[in-house]
Protein backbone atom coordinates (compact mmCIF):
# COMPACT_ATOMS: atom_id res chain seq x y z
CA MET A 1 -23.65 -30.26 -6.86
CA ALA A 2 -22.44 -33.52 -7.35
CA MET A 3 -18.44 -33.85 -6.59
CA SER A 4 -16.00 -35.56 -9.85
CA ALA A 5 -14.94 -39.15 -8.60
CA VAL A 6 -11.26 -38.16 -8.26
CA ALA A 7 -12.20 -35.50 -5.88
CA ARG A 8 -14.41 -37.62 -3.52
CA ASP A 9 -11.67 -40.33 -3.19
CA THR A 10 -9.05 -38.04 -2.58
CA VAL A 11 -11.46 -36.45 0.40
CA PHE A 12 -12.02 -39.77 1.24
CA ALA A 13 -8.21 -40.53 1.36
CA LEU A 14 -7.72 -37.35 3.72
CA ARG A 15 -10.16 -38.22 6.17
CA ARG A 16 -8.74 -41.84 6.56
CA GLN A 17 -5.13 -40.30 6.60
CA ILE A 18 -6.40 -37.53 9.71
CA ALA A 19 -8.68 -40.50 11.43
CA LYS A 20 -5.30 -42.67 11.71
CA ILE A 21 -3.19 -39.48 13.02
CA GLU A 22 -5.93 -38.60 15.36
CA GLY A 23 -6.73 -41.93 16.65
CA THR A 24 -10.03 -41.92 16.04
CA LEU A 25 -12.26 -44.85 15.02
CA PRO A 26 -15.58 -44.01 13.26
CA GLU A 27 -18.14 -46.30 13.07
CA ARG A 28 -18.55 -46.42 9.41
CA LEU A 29 -15.78 -44.74 6.83
CA GLN A 30 -16.87 -45.56 3.45
CA ALA A 31 -17.12 -43.62 0.00
CA PRO A 32 -20.18 -43.11 -0.99
CA ALA A 33 -21.82 -44.72 -4.04
CA PRO A 34 -20.44 -43.16 -7.42
CA GLY A 35 -22.49 -40.27 -8.62
CA ALA A 36 -24.19 -39.80 -5.20
CA PRO A 37 -23.93 -35.84 -3.70
CA ILE A 38 -21.16 -35.88 -0.56
CA ASN A 39 -24.02 -34.06 1.54
CA ALA A 40 -26.73 -36.69 0.27
CA GLY A 41 -29.07 -37.52 2.86
CA GLY A 42 -28.78 -41.44 4.15
CA SER A 43 -25.39 -41.83 3.27
CA ASP A 44 -23.31 -44.62 4.52
CA MET A 45 -20.13 -41.87 4.96
CA THR A 46 -19.38 -40.89 8.82
CA LEU A 47 -17.72 -37.70 9.17
CA VAL A 48 -13.98 -37.90 10.89
CA ARG A 49 -14.72 -35.59 14.00
CA ARG A 50 -12.21 -35.18 16.36
CA GLY A 51 -12.21 -36.80 19.72
CA LEU A 52 -13.67 -39.84 20.88
CA ALA A 53 -15.75 -42.09 18.33
CA VAL A 54 -16.84 -45.38 18.73
CA ALA A 55 -14.44 -48.34 18.12
CA ALA A 56 -15.41 -51.89 17.59
CA ALA A 57 -15.71 -53.76 20.43
CA ASP A 58 -12.79 -56.12 19.78
CA ALA A 59 -10.83 -53.28 19.98
CA PHE A 60 -10.90 -52.83 23.31
CA LEU A 61 -9.46 -55.23 26.58
CA HIS A 62 -12.36 -55.67 28.81
CA THR A 63 -11.58 -55.61 31.98
CA GLY A 64 -14.62 -57.15 33.26
CA ILE A 65 -16.04 -54.17 35.42
CA ASP A 66 -18.08 -52.18 34.03
CA ARG A 67 -17.47 -48.74 35.43
CA LEU A 68 -14.04 -48.94 34.70
CA ASP A 69 -14.38 -50.01 31.06
CA THR A 70 -16.99 -47.12 30.30
CA ALA A 71 -14.38 -44.45 32.03
CA LEU A 72 -12.06 -45.72 29.79
CA GLY A 73 -14.29 -45.61 26.64
CA GLY A 74 -14.83 -49.40 26.39
CA GLY A 75 -11.55 -50.71 27.88
CA LEU A 76 -7.66 -50.76 27.54
CA PRO A 77 -6.91 -50.33 23.89
CA LYS A 78 -5.46 -53.56 22.52
CA ALA A 79 -2.97 -52.39 19.77
CA ALA A 80 -1.65 -49.24 21.67
CA LEU A 81 0.73 -48.20 24.18
CA SER A 82 -0.60 -48.00 27.66
CA GLU A 83 0.91 -46.48 30.57
CA ILE A 84 0.81 -48.63 34.07
CA HIS A 85 2.29 -46.17 36.65
CA GLY A 86 3.47 -46.58 40.21
CA LEU A 87 4.20 -43.36 42.36
CA GLU A 88 6.73 -44.67 44.50
CA THR A 89 9.43 -47.26 44.35
CA ARG A 90 7.26 -49.67 46.89
CA ASP A 91 4.51 -49.78 44.55
CA ALA A 92 6.90 -51.60 41.84
CA GLY A 93 4.97 -55.08 43.22
CA ALA A 94 1.15 -53.71 42.67
CA VAL A 95 2.46 -51.95 39.42
CA ALA A 96 4.07 -55.56 38.31
CA GLY A 97 0.74 -57.81 39.93
CA PHE A 98 -1.66 -55.64 38.14
CA ALA A 99 0.30 -55.91 34.92
CA LEU A 100 0.49 -59.82 35.48
CA SER A 101 -3.41 -59.26 35.57
CA LEU A 102 -3.82 -57.87 32.19
CA VAL A 103 -1.35 -60.61 30.84
CA SER A 104 -3.69 -62.91 32.00
CA LEU A 105 -6.39 -61.66 30.00
CA ILE A 106 -4.83 -61.15 27.14
CA LEU A 107 -3.69 -64.67 27.28
CA LYS A 108 -7.03 -65.43 27.28
CA GLU A 109 -7.10 -64.33 23.49
CA LYS A 110 -3.88 -65.16 22.68
CA GLN A 111 -3.06 -68.81 23.89
CA GLY A 112 0.02 -70.11 22.83
CA LEU A 113 1.75 -67.01 22.56
CA PRO A 114 4.49 -65.88 24.80
CA ILE A 115 4.95 -61.95 26.42
CA LEU A 116 8.47 -60.26 26.71
CA TRP A 117 9.11 -58.14 29.59
CA VAL A 118 11.90 -55.58 28.96
CA GLY A 119 13.83 -53.70 31.10
CA THR A 120 17.44 -52.73 32.70
CA ALA A 121 19.72 -54.48 35.15
CA GLU A 122 18.65 -51.76 37.89
CA ILE A 123 15.12 -52.58 37.20
CA PHE A 124 15.23 -56.02 38.05
CA HIS A 125 17.41 -55.72 40.59
CA GLU A 126 15.60 -53.12 42.71
CA ALA A 127 11.96 -54.46 42.21
CA GLY A 128 13.34 -58.81 41.15
CA LEU A 129 11.52 -61.18 38.73
CA PRO A 130 8.13 -62.60 39.43
CA TYR A 131 7.61 -65.94 41.26
CA ALA A 132 7.76 -68.55 38.61
CA LYS A 133 5.58 -70.91 40.65
CA GLY A 134 3.30 -68.25 41.19
CA LEU A 135 2.38 -67.08 37.60
CA HIS A 136 0.43 -70.23 37.57
CA ALA A 137 -0.74 -70.56 40.56
CA LEU A 138 -2.06 -66.57 40.66
CA PHE A 139 -2.82 -65.65 36.81
CA GLY A 140 -2.49 -69.29 34.79
CA ILE A 141 0.42 -68.10 33.11
CA GLU A 142 3.15 -70.82 32.47
CA PRO A 143 6.37 -69.89 33.41
CA GLU A 144 7.80 -70.71 29.94
CA GLN A 145 5.39 -68.10 28.20
CA LEU A 146 6.41 -65.34 30.46
CA LEU A 147 10.56 -63.96 28.80
CA PHE A 148 12.48 -61.40 30.33
CA SER A 149 15.31 -59.49 28.65
CA GLU A 150 17.77 -57.52 30.72
CA ALA A 151 19.60 -55.04 28.83
CA PRO A 152 22.41 -52.97 30.21
CA LYS A 153 21.32 -49.52 29.27
CA LEU A 154 17.96 -47.92 29.29
CA LEU A 155 18.86 -47.45 25.34
CA ASP A 156 18.98 -50.87 24.56
CA ALA A 157 16.12 -51.67 26.28
CA LEU A 158 14.06 -49.20 24.25
CA TRP A 159 15.05 -50.50 21.20
CA ILE A 160 14.55 -54.12 22.19
CA ALA A 161 10.91 -52.62 22.77
CA GLU A 162 10.32 -51.15 20.09
CA GLU A 163 12.07 -54.14 17.85
CA ALA A 164 9.93 -56.26 19.66
CA ALA A 165 6.20 -54.57 19.45
CA ARG A 166 6.73 -54.92 16.00
CA MET A 167 5.94 -58.49 15.89
CA THR A 168 2.86 -60.66 15.96
CA ALA A 169 4.92 -63.40 17.44
CA PHE A 170 4.42 -61.78 21.04
CA ALA A 171 1.04 -61.86 22.64
CA ALA A 172 1.97 -58.52 24.51
CA VAL A 173 5.42 -56.50 25.22
CA ILE A 174 5.86 -54.86 28.78
CA LEU A 175 8.87 -52.26 29.37
CA GLU A 176 9.44 -51.31 32.59
CA ILE A 177 11.34 -48.30 33.20
CA ARG A 178 12.56 -46.41 36.27
CA GLY A 179 12.17 -42.30 37.10
CA SER A 180 11.74 -40.10 34.61
CA PRO A 181 14.84 -40.65 32.02
CA ARG A 182 15.40 -37.91 29.67
CA LEU A 183 15.62 -40.77 26.67
CA LEU A 184 12.10 -41.95 27.57
CA ASP A 185 10.29 -38.65 25.98
CA LEU A 186 7.66 -37.67 23.84
CA THR A 187 9.07 -39.07 20.56
CA ALA A 188 10.18 -42.73 22.06
CA THR A 189 6.50 -43.32 23.13
CA ARG A 190 5.10 -42.26 19.73
CA ARG A 191 7.25 -44.61 17.92
CA LEU A 192 6.25 -47.63 20.50
CA HIS A 193 2.64 -46.60 20.43
CA ALA A 194 2.62 -46.51 16.53
CA ARG A 195 4.78 -50.02 16.55
CA ALA A 196 1.92 -51.20 18.57
CA ARG A 197 -0.85 -49.95 16.79
CA ASN A 198 0.93 -51.48 12.84
CA ALA A 199 1.56 -54.93 15.02
CA GLY A 200 -2.26 -54.92 16.50
CA ARG A 201 -0.29 -55.74 20.05
CA PRO A 202 -0.66 -54.13 23.40
CA VAL A 203 2.16 -52.23 24.77
CA LEU A 204 2.39 -51.81 28.72
CA LEU A 205 4.81 -48.95 29.77
CA LEU A 206 5.29 -49.83 34.07
CA ARG A 207 6.79 -46.63 35.28
CA GLN A 208 8.51 -46.94 38.59
CA ALA A 209 8.43 -44.13 40.81
CA GLY A 210 8.19 -41.41 37.80
CA ALA A 211 6.54 -38.06 37.44
CA ALA A 212 3.83 -37.75 35.08
CA ASP A 213 5.89 -36.88 32.10
CA PRO A 214 3.66 -36.54 28.81
CA THR A 215 3.80 -39.26 26.67
CA ALA A 216 1.88 -40.95 23.67
CA ALA A 217 -0.10 -43.39 25.74
CA PRO A 218 -3.96 -42.82 25.12
CA VAL A 219 -4.52 -44.63 28.80
CA ARG A 220 -2.23 -43.96 32.00
CA LEU A 221 -3.63 -45.87 34.96
CA ILE A 222 -1.68 -45.11 38.53
CA VAL A 223 -1.79 -48.39 40.50
CA SER A 224 -0.98 -48.88 44.14
CA ALA A 225 -1.34 -51.57 46.62
CA ALA A 226 -4.64 -51.89 48.50
CA PRO A 227 -5.54 -53.93 51.84
CA SER A 228 -6.69 -57.17 51.01
CA THR A 229 -9.80 -58.44 52.78
CA SER A 230 -9.94 -61.59 54.87
CA ARG A 231 -10.38 -65.01 53.39
CA GLU A 232 -13.79 -66.04 53.04
CA THR A 233 -14.64 -69.52 54.91
CA VAL A 234 -17.92 -71.50 54.92
CA ALA A 235 -18.16 -70.24 58.52
CA GLY A 236 -17.20 -66.55 57.48
CA PRO A 237 -13.99 -64.20 56.87
CA LEU A 238 -10.78 -66.04 58.66
CA ALA A 239 -9.70 -63.20 61.40
CA GLY A 240 -6.03 -62.57 60.90
CA SER A 241 -5.93 -64.23 57.42
CA ILE A 242 -4.95 -62.46 53.88
CA GLY A 243 -7.11 -62.54 50.99
CA ARG A 244 -7.35 -62.11 47.39
CA PRO A 245 -4.60 -59.36 45.93
CA ALA A 246 -6.07 -56.12 46.10
CA PHE A 247 -5.27 -53.02 43.77
CA LYS A 248 -6.14 -49.54 43.97
CA VAL A 249 -6.30 -47.75 40.14
CA ASP A 250 -6.81 -44.31 39.23
CA ILE A 251 -7.03 -42.83 35.71
CA GLY A 252 -4.66 -40.59 35.05
CA LYS A 253 -5.46 -40.11 31.42
CA SER A 254 -8.00 -41.64 29.13
CA ARG A 255 -9.61 -40.42 25.53
CA THR A 256 -12.88 -40.10 27.52
CA ALA A 257 -11.12 -37.70 30.27
CA LEU A 258 -13.10 -39.10 32.70
CA PRO A 259 -11.46 -39.27 36.19
CA GLY A 260 -12.40 -42.37 38.69
CA GLN A 261 -11.23 -44.19 41.12
CA PHE A 262 -11.18 -48.18 41.74
CA THR A 263 -10.35 -50.85 44.30
CA LEU A 264 -9.97 -54.16 42.17
CA GLU A 265 -9.57 -57.64 43.58
CA TRP A 266 -7.98 -60.13 41.36
CA ASN A 267 -9.61 -63.33 41.62
CA PRO A 268 -6.79 -66.45 40.52
CA ASN A 269 -9.49 -69.37 40.64
CA GLU A 270 -11.26 -67.56 37.84
CA HIS A 271 -8.42 -65.26 36.47
CA ALA A 272 -10.62 -62.11 36.76
CA PHE A 273 -11.14 -58.47 38.57
CA ALA A 274 -13.96 -57.84 40.69
CA GLU A 275 -14.74 -54.55 42.15
CA ARG A 276 -14.74 -53.95 46.03
CA ALA A 277 -17.03 -51.50 47.35
CA GLU A 278 -15.27 -49.18 50.22
CA ASN A 279 -17.18 -48.34 52.67
CA SER A 280 -16.48 -44.54 53.96
CA VAL A 281 -16.30 -43.87 57.94
CA ALA A 282 -16.86 -41.23 59.85
CA VAL A 283 -13.68 -39.99 61.83
CA VAL A 284 -15.48 -37.31 63.47
CA PRO A 285 -18.09 -37.48 65.92
CA THR A 286 -21.60 -35.84 64.91
CA SER A 287 -22.49 -32.41 66.08
CA GLN A 288 -24.29 -31.75 69.04
CA ARG A 289 -26.86 -29.84 67.24
CA GLY A 290 -27.57 -32.87 64.63
CA ALA A 291 -29.97 -35.83 65.15
CA ASP A 292 -27.81 -37.66 66.98
CA PRO A 293 -26.09 -35.66 69.32
CA ALA A 294 -23.30 -36.82 71.45
CA PRO A 295 -23.66 -38.39 74.87
CA ALA A 296 -22.93 -36.07 77.70
CA SER A 297 -19.64 -36.24 79.65
CA GLY A 298 -19.05 -37.98 82.71
CA ALA A 299 -18.47 -37.20 86.24
CA VAL A 300 -15.15 -35.48 86.43
CA LEU A 301 -12.89 -36.92 89.41
CA ALA A 302 -10.63 -34.82 90.79
CA PHE A 303 -7.11 -36.41 91.47
CA PRO A 304 -4.27 -34.96 94.37
CA ALA A 305 -1.26 -33.66 92.87
CA LEU A 306 1.63 -36.23 93.37
CA ALA A 307 4.94 -34.98 94.84
CA ALA A 308 7.91 -35.11 92.92
CA PRO A 309 10.07 -38.20 93.73
CA ALA A 310 13.39 -37.42 95.29
CA THR A 311 16.83 -37.62 93.89
CA GLY A 312 17.14 -40.86 95.23
CA ASP A 313 14.01 -42.55 94.14
CA GLN A 314 14.82 -41.65 90.20
CA PRO A 315 15.03 -45.00 88.48
CA SER A 316 18.43 -45.94 86.86
CA ARG A 317 18.73 -46.17 83.31
CA GLN A 318 18.21 -49.73 83.15
CA GLN A 319 14.31 -49.15 84.12
CA HIS A 320 13.36 -47.00 81.90
CA PRO A 321 11.65 -48.86 79.16
CA ALA A 322 13.28 -49.19 75.79
CA HIS A 323 12.31 -46.83 73.07
CA ARG A 324 10.95 -48.60 70.24
CA SER A 325 10.81 -46.61 67.00
CA PRO A 326 9.58 -48.58 63.57
CA ARG A 327 12.89 -49.45 61.16
CA ARG A 328 13.36 -48.18 57.84
CA ALA A 329 12.98 -50.61 55.18
CA GLY A 330 16.01 -51.71 53.41
């Protein structure tokens, strides 16, 4: 039985509202032709379902790594809150470098627009600020495109980020938070996520040494530094040199709920990511029952026991080698 036009429009409006609340993006969501039954075969209406739905290709920021983009369901959402998490304070540099790499990808589409980086005085004093000359050399970002807002308190930083997230004058907004403050709760992140969706701009939440608390961000990436390989030359790898910046990226949360661990290198010349294939190295010798048994032990030599030195033969304190233990950083 055909539905009335009023009932059909009501159902369509409700489905759109559900899709907006759940964050689902169906392929097609349009009302059927007037007079057509709601369950007619071949209808263009796509029923809104709970879970992952196919979104437009331009709704995601593609990292260029197919495995990572597939695990994230297409890439990082452009109009959303995304969390970049560093488990320890020493990971702050890697988190900032990875965020700047994403900013470089964003600015390829939003050329000429600035980026606003919001944080408290404690954040910038602890982790420092990006090196201005390195922005252009490594990421292709002009120093005047990166604006910083240093707030005296976390409450002020949250307010600045929320107000900036609604503006289309910024290509993206970065909010850097240390620890797990009480003010950064689910309600605060929901507001940031809603502002980002309405403005169609990404908001990156950088976390320093914080717990994986519940947030409204659909994506959480756990980032740490990875060892750099040697610099490549015409004659091969240059021993003792430092190559491209590398990041270890773990998917902590995504709409696909697919786990994944990646080692990414940033190419400062092409301003693009490249995935490094990690080779596993065996640290335990093969069993003797295997195809490649361990070699037989060599000859055993017996050494005569040394007599204990006399009291007068003991070396002085100055003759003992100094004990060298690693210093604590800071």
